N, C-alpha and C. Protein backbone atom coordinates (compact mmCIF):
# COMPACT_ATOMS: atom_id res chain seq x y z
N UNK A 1 34.30 -27.17 -0.32
CA UNK A 1 33.91 -26.16 0.64
C UNK A 1 35.14 -25.52 1.30
N UNK A 2 36.19 -26.31 1.51
CA UNK A 2 37.41 -25.77 2.12
C UNK A 2 38.03 -24.70 1.20
N UNK A 3 38.03 -24.99 -0.09
CA UNK A 3 38.58 -24.01 -1.04
C UNK A 3 37.73 -22.74 -1.04
N UNK A 4 36.40 -22.90 -0.98
CA UNK A 4 35.49 -21.77 -0.93
C UNK A 4 35.77 -20.90 0.30
N UNK A 5 35.92 -21.53 1.46
CA UNK A 5 36.21 -20.79 2.70
C UNK A 5 37.57 -20.12 2.64
N UNK A 6 38.53 -20.77 2.04
CA UNK A 6 39.87 -20.18 1.89
C UNK A 6 39.79 -18.94 1.00
N UNK A 7 39.04 -19.05 -0.10
CA UNK A 7 38.87 -17.90 -1.00
C UNK A 7 38.14 -16.76 -0.29
N UNK A 8 37.10 -17.11 0.44
CA UNK A 8 36.35 -16.11 1.19
C UNK A 8 37.24 -15.42 2.21
N UNK A 9 38.05 -16.17 2.91
CA UNK A 9 38.97 -15.61 3.90
C UNK A 9 39.96 -14.68 3.22
N UNK A 10 40.45 -15.07 2.06
CA UNK A 10 41.39 -14.24 1.31
C UNK A 10 40.74 -12.92 0.88
N UNK A 11 39.51 -13.00 0.36
CA UNK A 11 38.78 -11.80 -0.08
C UNK A 11 38.53 -10.88 1.12
N UNK A 12 38.07 -11.45 2.22
CA UNK A 12 37.82 -10.65 3.42
C UNK A 12 39.10 -10.02 3.96
N UNK A 13 40.18 -10.76 3.92
CA UNK A 13 41.47 -10.24 4.37
C UNK A 13 41.89 -9.04 3.52
N UNK A 14 41.73 -9.17 2.20
CA UNK A 14 42.06 -8.06 1.30
C UNK A 14 41.16 -6.86 1.55
N UNK A 15 39.88 -7.11 1.78
CA UNK A 15 38.94 -6.03 2.05
C UNK A 15 39.33 -5.28 3.32
N UNK A 16 39.61 -6.02 4.38
CA UNK A 16 40.00 -5.40 5.66
C UNK A 16 41.30 -4.61 5.47
N UNK A 17 42.24 -5.17 4.77
CA UNK A 17 43.52 -4.50 4.53
C UNK A 17 43.32 -3.20 3.77
N UNK A 18 42.50 -3.22 2.73
CA UNK A 18 42.24 -2.01 1.95
C UNK A 18 41.50 -0.97 2.79
N UNK A 19 40.55 -1.42 3.59
CA UNK A 19 39.80 -0.51 4.45
C UNK A 19 40.73 0.18 5.45
N UNK A 20 41.61 -0.58 6.05
CA UNK A 20 42.58 -0.01 7.00
C UNK A 20 43.49 0.97 6.28
N UNK A 21 43.92 0.65 5.08
CA UNK A 21 44.79 1.54 4.30
C UNK A 21 44.08 2.85 3.98
N UNK A 22 42.84 2.76 3.53
CA UNK A 22 42.06 3.96 3.20
C UNK A 22 41.86 4.82 4.44
N UNK A 23 41.51 4.20 5.55
CA UNK A 23 41.29 4.97 6.78
C UNK A 23 42.60 5.58 7.27
N UNK A 24 43.70 4.90 7.14
CA UNK A 24 45.00 5.45 7.52
C UNK A 24 45.34 6.65 6.66
N UNK A 25 45.07 6.56 5.37
CA UNK A 25 45.31 7.69 4.47
C UNK A 25 44.44 8.89 4.84
N UNK A 26 43.19 8.63 5.19
CA UNK A 26 42.30 9.72 5.60
C UNK A 26 42.79 10.39 6.88
N UNK A 27 43.27 9.61 7.82
CA UNK A 27 43.82 10.17 9.06
C UNK A 27 45.06 11.01 8.75
N UNK A 28 45.94 10.49 7.89
CA UNK A 28 47.15 11.23 7.51
C UNK A 28 46.80 12.54 6.81
N UNK A 29 45.76 12.51 5.96
CA UNK A 29 45.33 13.71 5.26
C UNK A 29 44.83 14.76 6.26
N UNK A 30 44.06 14.33 7.25
CA UNK A 30 43.58 15.25 8.28
C UNK A 30 44.74 15.80 9.10
N UNK A 31 45.71 14.96 9.43
CA UNK A 31 46.88 15.42 10.17
C UNK A 31 47.67 16.45 9.37
N UNK A 32 47.81 16.21 8.06
CA UNK A 32 48.53 17.14 7.20
C UNK A 32 47.78 18.47 7.10
N UNK A 33 46.47 18.41 6.97
CA UNK A 33 45.66 19.62 6.91
C UNK A 33 45.79 20.41 8.21
N UNK A 34 45.79 19.71 9.33
CA UNK A 34 45.95 20.37 10.63
C UNK A 34 47.33 21.00 10.76
N UNK A 35 48.36 20.31 10.31
CA UNK A 35 49.72 20.85 10.36
C UNK A 35 49.83 22.10 9.49
N UNK A 36 49.21 22.06 8.34
CA UNK A 36 49.23 23.20 7.42
C UNK A 36 48.55 24.41 8.08
N UNK A 37 47.39 24.19 8.67
CA UNK A 37 46.67 25.27 9.34
C UNK A 37 47.49 25.82 10.50
N UNK A 38 48.16 24.95 11.25
CA UNK A 38 49.01 25.40 12.36
C UNK A 38 50.19 26.22 11.87
N UNK A 39 50.75 25.85 10.73
CA UNK A 39 51.87 26.62 10.16
C UNK A 39 51.40 28.03 9.79
N UNK A 40 50.22 28.13 9.20
CA UNK A 40 49.67 29.44 8.84
C UNK A 40 49.42 30.26 10.11
N UNK A 41 48.83 29.64 11.12
CA UNK A 41 48.58 30.37 12.37
C UNK A 41 49.89 30.84 13.00
N UNK A 42 50.92 30.01 12.91
CA UNK A 42 52.22 30.38 13.48
C UNK A 42 52.80 31.62 12.80
N UNK A 43 52.64 31.70 11.50
CA UNK A 43 53.09 32.91 10.79
C UNK A 43 52.32 34.13 11.27
N UNK A 44 51.02 33.96 11.49
CA UNK A 44 50.21 35.05 12.02
C UNK A 44 50.68 35.49 13.40
N UNK A 45 50.99 34.51 14.24
CA UNK A 45 51.51 34.81 15.58
C UNK A 45 52.84 35.54 15.48
N UNK A 46 53.69 35.12 14.54
CA UNK A 46 55.00 35.78 14.36
C UNK A 46 54.81 37.25 14.03
N UNK A 47 53.84 37.56 13.19
CA UNK A 47 53.63 38.97 12.84
C UNK A 47 53.08 39.76 14.02
N UNK A 48 52.34 39.08 14.91
CA UNK A 48 51.81 39.75 16.10
C UNK A 48 52.92 40.22 17.04
N UNK A 49 54.03 39.47 17.08
CA UNK A 49 55.11 39.80 18.01
C UNK A 49 55.84 41.08 17.65
N UNK A 50 55.69 41.55 16.43
CA UNK A 50 56.34 42.79 16.04
C UNK A 50 55.72 43.98 16.76
N UNK A 51 54.43 43.88 17.04
CA UNK A 51 53.69 45.03 17.54
C UNK A 51 52.45 44.51 18.27
N UNK A 52 52.33 44.81 19.55
CA UNK A 52 51.20 44.31 20.34
C UNK A 52 49.87 44.79 19.76
N UNK A 53 49.82 46.03 19.30
CA UNK A 53 48.58 46.55 18.71
C UNK A 53 48.20 45.76 17.47
N UNK A 54 49.19 45.34 16.70
CA UNK A 54 48.92 44.53 15.51
C UNK A 54 48.26 43.22 15.92
N UNK A 55 48.70 42.62 17.00
CA UNK A 55 48.11 41.37 17.47
C UNK A 55 46.64 41.53 17.81
N UNK A 56 46.29 42.57 18.54
CA UNK A 56 44.89 42.81 18.87
C UNK A 56 44.10 43.11 17.61
N UNK A 57 44.69 43.87 16.70
CA UNK A 57 44.03 44.20 15.45
C UNK A 57 43.70 42.91 14.66
N UNK A 58 44.64 41.99 14.61
CA UNK A 58 44.44 40.74 13.87
C UNK A 58 43.25 39.98 14.45
N UNK A 59 43.15 39.91 15.77
CA UNK A 59 42.04 39.19 16.40
C UNK A 59 40.71 39.87 16.11
N UNK A 60 40.68 41.22 16.23
CA UNK A 60 39.43 41.95 15.97
C UNK A 60 39.01 41.80 14.51
N UNK A 61 39.97 41.98 13.62
CA UNK A 61 39.69 41.92 12.19
C UNK A 61 39.20 40.54 11.79
N UNK A 62 39.82 39.50 12.31
CA UNK A 62 39.42 38.13 11.98
C UNK A 62 38.00 37.84 12.45
N UNK A 63 37.64 38.34 13.63
CA UNK A 63 36.28 38.14 14.15
C UNK A 63 35.25 38.86 13.29
N UNK A 64 35.56 40.08 12.90
CA UNK A 64 34.65 40.83 12.04
C UNK A 64 34.51 40.15 10.68
N UNK A 65 35.62 39.67 10.13
CA UNK A 65 35.58 38.96 8.84
C UNK A 65 34.69 37.74 8.93
N UNK A 66 34.78 37.00 10.03
CA UNK A 66 33.93 35.82 10.22
C UNK A 66 32.45 36.22 10.27
N UNK A 67 32.14 37.32 10.95
CA UNK A 67 30.75 37.77 11.04
C UNK A 67 30.23 38.16 9.66
N UNK A 68 31.06 38.82 8.87
CA UNK A 68 30.65 39.20 7.51
C UNK A 68 30.41 37.95 6.67
N UNK A 69 31.32 37.00 6.74
CA UNK A 69 31.19 35.77 5.96
C UNK A 69 29.91 35.02 6.33
N UNK A 70 29.61 35.01 7.61
CA UNK A 70 28.38 34.34 8.07
C UNK A 70 27.15 35.08 7.56
N UNK A 71 27.18 36.42 7.62
CA UNK A 71 26.05 37.21 7.13
C UNK A 71 25.86 37.03 5.63
N UNK A 72 26.95 36.81 4.90
CA UNK A 72 26.88 36.57 3.46
C UNK A 72 26.47 35.13 3.14
N UNK A 73 26.34 34.31 4.19
CA UNK A 73 25.96 32.90 4.05
C UNK A 73 26.96 32.13 3.18
N UNK A 74 28.25 32.44 3.40
CA UNK A 74 29.28 31.67 2.69
C UNK A 74 29.28 30.24 3.21
N UNK A 75 29.74 29.34 2.40
CA UNK A 75 29.79 27.93 2.79
C UNK A 75 30.69 27.76 4.01
N UNK A 76 30.46 26.69 4.73
CA UNK A 76 31.29 26.37 5.90
C UNK A 76 32.75 26.24 5.48
N UNK A 77 32.98 25.66 4.31
CA UNK A 77 34.34 25.47 3.81
C UNK A 77 35.05 26.82 3.58
N UNK A 78 34.36 27.78 2.97
CA UNK A 78 34.96 29.10 2.75
C UNK A 78 35.16 29.85 4.06
N UNK A 79 34.21 29.71 4.98
CA UNK A 79 34.36 30.37 6.28
C UNK A 79 35.54 29.80 7.05
N UNK A 80 35.75 28.50 6.96
CA UNK A 80 36.91 27.87 7.61
C UNK A 80 38.21 28.37 6.99
N UNK A 81 38.23 28.46 5.67
CA UNK A 81 39.40 28.98 4.96
C UNK A 81 39.68 30.42 5.41
N UNK A 82 38.64 31.22 5.50
CA UNK A 82 38.78 32.61 5.94
C UNK A 82 39.28 32.67 7.38
N UNK A 83 38.74 31.81 8.24
CA UNK A 83 39.13 31.78 9.65
C UNK A 83 40.64 31.57 9.82
N UNK A 84 41.17 30.67 9.00
CA UNK A 84 42.60 30.37 9.11
C UNK A 84 43.45 31.40 8.38
N UNK A 85 42.97 31.89 7.23
CA UNK A 85 43.78 32.76 6.38
C UNK A 85 43.72 34.24 6.76
N UNK A 86 42.60 34.71 7.29
CA UNK A 86 42.45 36.14 7.59
C UNK A 86 43.54 36.71 8.51
N UNK A 87 43.98 35.97 9.53
CA UNK A 87 45.03 36.52 10.39
C UNK A 87 46.35 36.80 9.65
N UNK A 88 46.47 36.28 8.44
CA UNK A 88 47.69 36.47 7.65
C UNK A 88 47.66 37.75 6.84
N UNK A 89 46.59 38.53 6.92
CA UNK A 89 46.45 39.69 6.04
C UNK A 89 47.62 40.67 6.15
N UNK A 90 48.20 40.80 7.31
CA UNK A 90 49.32 41.75 7.50
C UNK A 90 50.65 41.06 7.73
N UNK A 91 50.79 39.79 7.33
CA UNK A 91 52.04 39.06 7.58
C UNK A 91 53.23 39.77 6.94
N UNK A 92 53.02 40.48 5.86
CA UNK A 92 54.10 41.21 5.20
C UNK A 92 54.71 42.31 6.04
N UNK A 93 54.02 42.71 7.11
CA UNK A 93 54.59 43.74 7.99
C UNK A 93 55.85 43.25 8.70
N UNK A 94 56.08 41.93 8.67
CA UNK A 94 57.32 41.38 9.20
C UNK A 94 58.51 42.03 8.50
N UNK A 95 58.35 42.38 7.23
CA UNK A 95 59.43 42.96 6.44
C UNK A 95 59.52 44.47 6.48
N UNK A 96 58.71 45.12 7.30
CA UNK A 96 58.73 46.58 7.40
C UNK A 96 59.59 46.99 8.59
N UNK A 97 60.45 47.94 8.38
CA UNK A 97 61.37 48.41 9.43
C UNK A 97 60.58 48.93 10.63
N UNK A 98 61.09 48.65 11.82
CA UNK A 98 60.45 49.12 13.06
C UNK A 98 60.26 50.63 13.08
N UNK A 99 61.21 51.36 12.52
CA UNK A 99 61.12 52.82 12.52
C UNK A 99 59.84 53.30 11.83
N UNK A 100 59.37 52.54 10.86
CA UNK A 100 58.13 52.89 10.16
C UNK A 100 56.94 52.19 10.81
N UNK A 101 57.06 50.90 11.04
CA UNK A 101 55.96 50.11 11.58
C UNK A 101 55.50 50.62 12.94
N UNK A 102 56.44 50.99 13.78
CA UNK A 102 56.11 51.38 15.15
C UNK A 102 56.11 52.89 15.35
N UNK A 103 56.22 53.64 14.29
CA UNK A 103 56.28 55.10 14.39
C UNK A 103 54.97 55.65 14.96
N UNK A 104 55.06 56.44 16.01
CA UNK A 104 53.85 57.10 16.52
C UNK A 104 53.46 58.24 15.57
N UNK A 105 52.19 58.45 15.41
CA UNK A 105 51.75 59.55 14.54
C UNK A 105 51.70 59.14 13.08
N UNK A 106 51.48 60.15 12.25
CA UNK A 106 51.32 59.91 10.81
C UNK A 106 52.64 59.59 10.13
N UNK A 107 52.56 58.77 9.12
CA UNK A 107 53.72 58.46 8.30
C UNK A 107 53.88 59.53 7.22
N UNK A 108 55.13 59.81 6.86
CA UNK A 108 55.37 60.71 5.72
C UNK A 108 54.94 59.99 4.45
N UNK A 109 54.87 60.70 3.34
CA UNK A 109 54.49 60.09 2.06
C UNK A 109 55.46 58.97 1.70
N UNK A 110 56.75 59.19 1.94
CA UNK A 110 57.76 58.18 1.63
C UNK A 110 57.60 56.95 2.53
N UNK A 111 57.36 57.20 3.82
CA UNK A 111 57.16 56.10 4.76
C UNK A 111 55.91 55.29 4.42
N UNK A 112 54.86 56.00 3.99
CA UNK A 112 53.63 55.30 3.63
C UNK A 112 53.86 54.41 2.40
N UNK A 113 54.67 54.87 1.46
CA UNK A 113 54.99 54.04 0.29
C UNK A 113 55.70 52.76 0.73
N UNK A 114 56.59 52.88 1.71
CA UNK A 114 57.27 51.69 2.24
C UNK A 114 56.25 50.79 2.94
N UNK A 115 55.38 51.37 3.75
CA UNK A 115 54.37 50.59 4.48
C UNK A 115 53.48 49.83 3.50
N UNK A 116 53.15 50.42 2.38
CA UNK A 116 52.30 49.77 1.39
C UNK A 116 52.92 48.50 0.83
N UNK A 117 54.23 48.37 0.92
CA UNK A 117 54.88 47.18 0.38
C UNK A 117 54.60 45.93 1.23
N UNK A 118 53.97 46.10 2.40
CA UNK A 118 53.65 44.91 3.20
C UNK A 118 52.74 43.95 2.45
N UNK A 119 51.96 44.46 1.50
CA UNK A 119 51.09 43.58 0.72
C UNK A 119 51.90 42.68 -0.20
N UNK A 120 52.87 43.24 -0.89
CA UNK A 120 53.68 42.43 -1.81
C UNK A 120 54.66 41.55 -1.05
N UNK A 121 55.11 42.02 0.10
CA UNK A 121 55.97 41.16 0.95
C UNK A 121 55.16 39.95 1.41
N UNK A 122 53.91 40.17 1.81
CA UNK A 122 53.04 39.06 2.22
C UNK A 122 52.85 38.05 1.11
N UNK A 123 52.66 38.53 -0.12
CA UNK A 123 52.51 37.62 -1.27
C UNK A 123 53.78 36.78 -1.45
N UNK A 124 54.93 37.42 -1.28
CA UNK A 124 56.21 36.72 -1.43
C UNK A 124 56.38 35.65 -0.35
N UNK A 125 55.98 35.96 0.87
CA UNK A 125 56.10 35.01 1.98
C UNK A 125 55.18 33.81 1.75
N UNK A 126 54.00 34.05 1.24
CA UNK A 126 52.97 33.01 1.13
C UNK A 126 52.99 32.35 -0.24
N UNK A 127 54.07 31.69 -0.56
CA UNK A 127 54.17 31.00 -1.85
C UNK A 127 53.68 29.57 -1.70
N UNK A 128 53.12 29.04 -2.76
CA UNK A 128 52.64 27.66 -2.77
C UNK A 128 51.30 27.56 -3.44
N UNK A 129 50.92 26.35 -3.81
CA UNK A 129 49.68 26.12 -4.54
C UNK A 129 48.55 25.59 -3.67
N UNK A 130 48.84 25.29 -2.43
CA UNK A 130 47.84 24.79 -1.50
C UNK A 130 46.68 25.79 -1.41
N UNK A 131 45.42 25.33 -1.40
CA UNK A 131 44.29 26.27 -1.32
C UNK A 131 44.33 27.20 -0.11
N UNK A 132 44.80 26.72 1.01
CA UNK A 132 44.91 27.55 2.20
C UNK A 132 45.95 28.64 2.02
N UNK A 133 47.11 28.28 1.50
CA UNK A 133 48.17 29.26 1.23
C UNK A 133 47.70 30.25 0.18
N UNK A 134 47.02 29.76 -0.86
CA UNK A 134 46.53 30.63 -1.93
C UNK A 134 45.53 31.65 -1.38
N UNK A 135 44.64 31.21 -0.49
CA UNK A 135 43.67 32.14 0.11
C UNK A 135 44.38 33.18 0.96
N UNK A 136 45.33 32.75 1.78
CA UNK A 136 46.10 33.69 2.61
C UNK A 136 46.86 34.67 1.73
N UNK A 137 47.43 34.19 0.63
CA UNK A 137 48.18 35.06 -0.30
C UNK A 137 47.24 36.07 -0.94
N UNK A 138 46.05 35.63 -1.39
CA UNK A 138 45.08 36.56 -1.97
C UNK A 138 44.70 37.65 -0.98
N UNK A 139 44.47 37.24 0.25
CA UNK A 139 44.09 38.21 1.29
C UNK A 139 45.23 39.17 1.58
N UNK A 140 46.43 38.64 1.80
CA UNK A 140 47.59 39.50 2.10
C UNK A 140 47.87 40.48 0.97
N UNK A 141 47.73 40.00 -0.26
CA UNK A 141 48.07 40.84 -1.40
C UNK A 141 46.99 41.79 -1.85
N UNK A 142 45.74 41.56 -1.43
CA UNK A 142 44.64 42.35 -1.98
C UNK A 142 43.75 43.02 -0.95
N UNK A 143 44.08 42.95 0.33
CA UNK A 143 43.17 43.51 1.33
C UNK A 143 43.19 45.04 1.39
N UNK A 144 44.07 45.69 0.62
CA UNK A 144 44.05 47.15 0.52
C UNK A 144 43.57 47.62 -0.85
N UNK A 145 43.06 46.69 -1.66
CA UNK A 145 42.44 47.07 -2.93
C UNK A 145 41.06 47.65 -2.61
N UNK A 146 40.57 48.51 -3.49
CA UNK A 146 39.28 49.16 -3.27
C UNK A 146 38.36 48.90 -4.46
N UNK A 147 37.08 48.78 -4.18
CA UNK A 147 36.08 48.46 -5.20
C UNK A 147 36.20 49.39 -6.41
N UNK A 148 36.52 50.67 -6.17
CA UNK A 148 36.60 51.64 -7.27
C UNK A 148 37.96 51.65 -7.97
N UNK A 149 38.88 50.78 -7.56
CA UNK A 149 40.18 50.69 -8.22
C UNK A 149 41.24 51.62 -7.67
N UNK A 150 40.95 52.33 -6.57
CA UNK A 150 41.92 53.28 -6.02
C UNK A 150 42.84 52.67 -4.97
N UNK A 151 42.74 51.37 -4.75
CA UNK A 151 43.56 50.73 -3.73
C UNK A 151 44.94 50.34 -4.24
N UNK A 152 45.65 49.61 -3.42
CA UNK A 152 46.99 49.15 -3.78
C UNK A 152 47.14 47.70 -3.37
N UNK A 153 48.07 46.98 -3.94
CA UNK A 153 49.20 47.38 -4.78
C UNK A 153 48.92 47.36 -6.29
N UNK A 154 47.79 46.75 -6.74
CA UNK A 154 47.60 46.58 -8.17
C UNK A 154 46.42 47.36 -8.74
N UNK A 155 45.77 48.18 -7.94
CA UNK A 155 44.61 48.96 -8.37
C UNK A 155 43.53 48.07 -8.99
N UNK A 156 43.30 46.92 -8.33
CA UNK A 156 42.22 46.04 -8.77
C UNK A 156 40.89 46.73 -8.48
N UNK A 157 39.87 46.35 -9.22
CA UNK A 157 38.56 46.95 -8.97
C UNK A 157 37.47 45.88 -8.98
N UNK A 158 36.44 46.16 -8.25
CA UNK A 158 35.27 45.30 -8.25
C UNK A 158 35.58 43.83 -7.99
N UNK A 159 35.00 42.98 -8.82
CA UNK A 159 35.16 41.54 -8.64
C UNK A 159 36.52 41.01 -9.06
N UNK A 160 37.42 41.89 -9.54
CA UNK A 160 38.81 41.48 -9.75
C UNK A 160 39.47 41.16 -8.42
N UNK A 161 38.96 41.78 -7.37
CA UNK A 161 39.50 41.57 -6.02
C UNK A 161 38.93 40.23 -5.51
N UNK A 162 39.78 39.32 -5.06
CA UNK A 162 39.28 38.03 -4.54
C UNK A 162 38.27 38.25 -3.40
N UNK A 163 37.22 37.42 -3.39
CA UNK A 163 36.14 37.57 -2.41
C UNK A 163 36.63 37.64 -0.97
N UNK A 164 37.51 36.71 -0.56
CA UNK A 164 37.97 36.72 0.83
C UNK A 164 38.76 37.97 1.13
N UNK A 165 39.48 38.51 0.15
CA UNK A 165 40.22 39.75 0.35
C UNK A 165 39.25 40.93 0.48
N UNK A 166 38.15 40.91 -0.26
CA UNK A 166 37.15 41.97 -0.13
C UNK A 166 36.56 41.97 1.28
N UNK A 167 36.26 40.76 1.78
CA UNK A 167 35.71 40.65 3.14
C UNK A 167 36.72 41.19 4.15
N UNK A 168 37.98 40.81 3.98
CA UNK A 168 39.02 41.28 4.91
C UNK A 168 39.23 42.78 4.79
N UNK A 169 39.09 43.34 3.60
CA UNK A 169 39.23 44.79 3.43
C UNK A 169 38.17 45.53 4.24
N UNK A 170 36.93 45.03 4.19
CA UNK A 170 35.86 45.66 4.97
C UNK A 170 36.13 45.48 6.46
N UNK A 171 36.51 44.28 6.86
CA UNK A 171 36.78 44.00 8.27
C UNK A 171 37.97 44.81 8.78
N UNK A 172 38.97 45.02 7.93
CA UNK A 172 40.19 45.75 8.30
C UNK A 172 39.87 47.21 8.56
């Protein structure tokens, strides 16, 4: 019986140890996910500092995007991804000169061509394979594409445009 109890104690000890390890890994995974989301939000905040109007625009656009996603009955997971990634749609404007970005009035044709590069700059900034980064990159790179293919930067059309980018295009 002593050997049986010793074996039982050993098995229970291993079980408790594995359970603690699994729970610790789950906590670490949640912490990493939270850190990743905070990093994305920080980039969005950085782009807001370039132009106060851009900051208000990001908040309005993100709220409208969330309402569209909810009306489309997207999954909670996709809506959460959109919530975090949508504010990054104009992150590439960090790379646009103030003379163009902050210019009052209409841009010249040449200035508008420069402004359009904010989409490709955003794609360059948002490198990585993480699903959150990939969603933000899709949105930043495709939120000026148009269903009929007349948008930029790649003249994507219809369902070639990523879903979250289509939602952000309407919200934008």
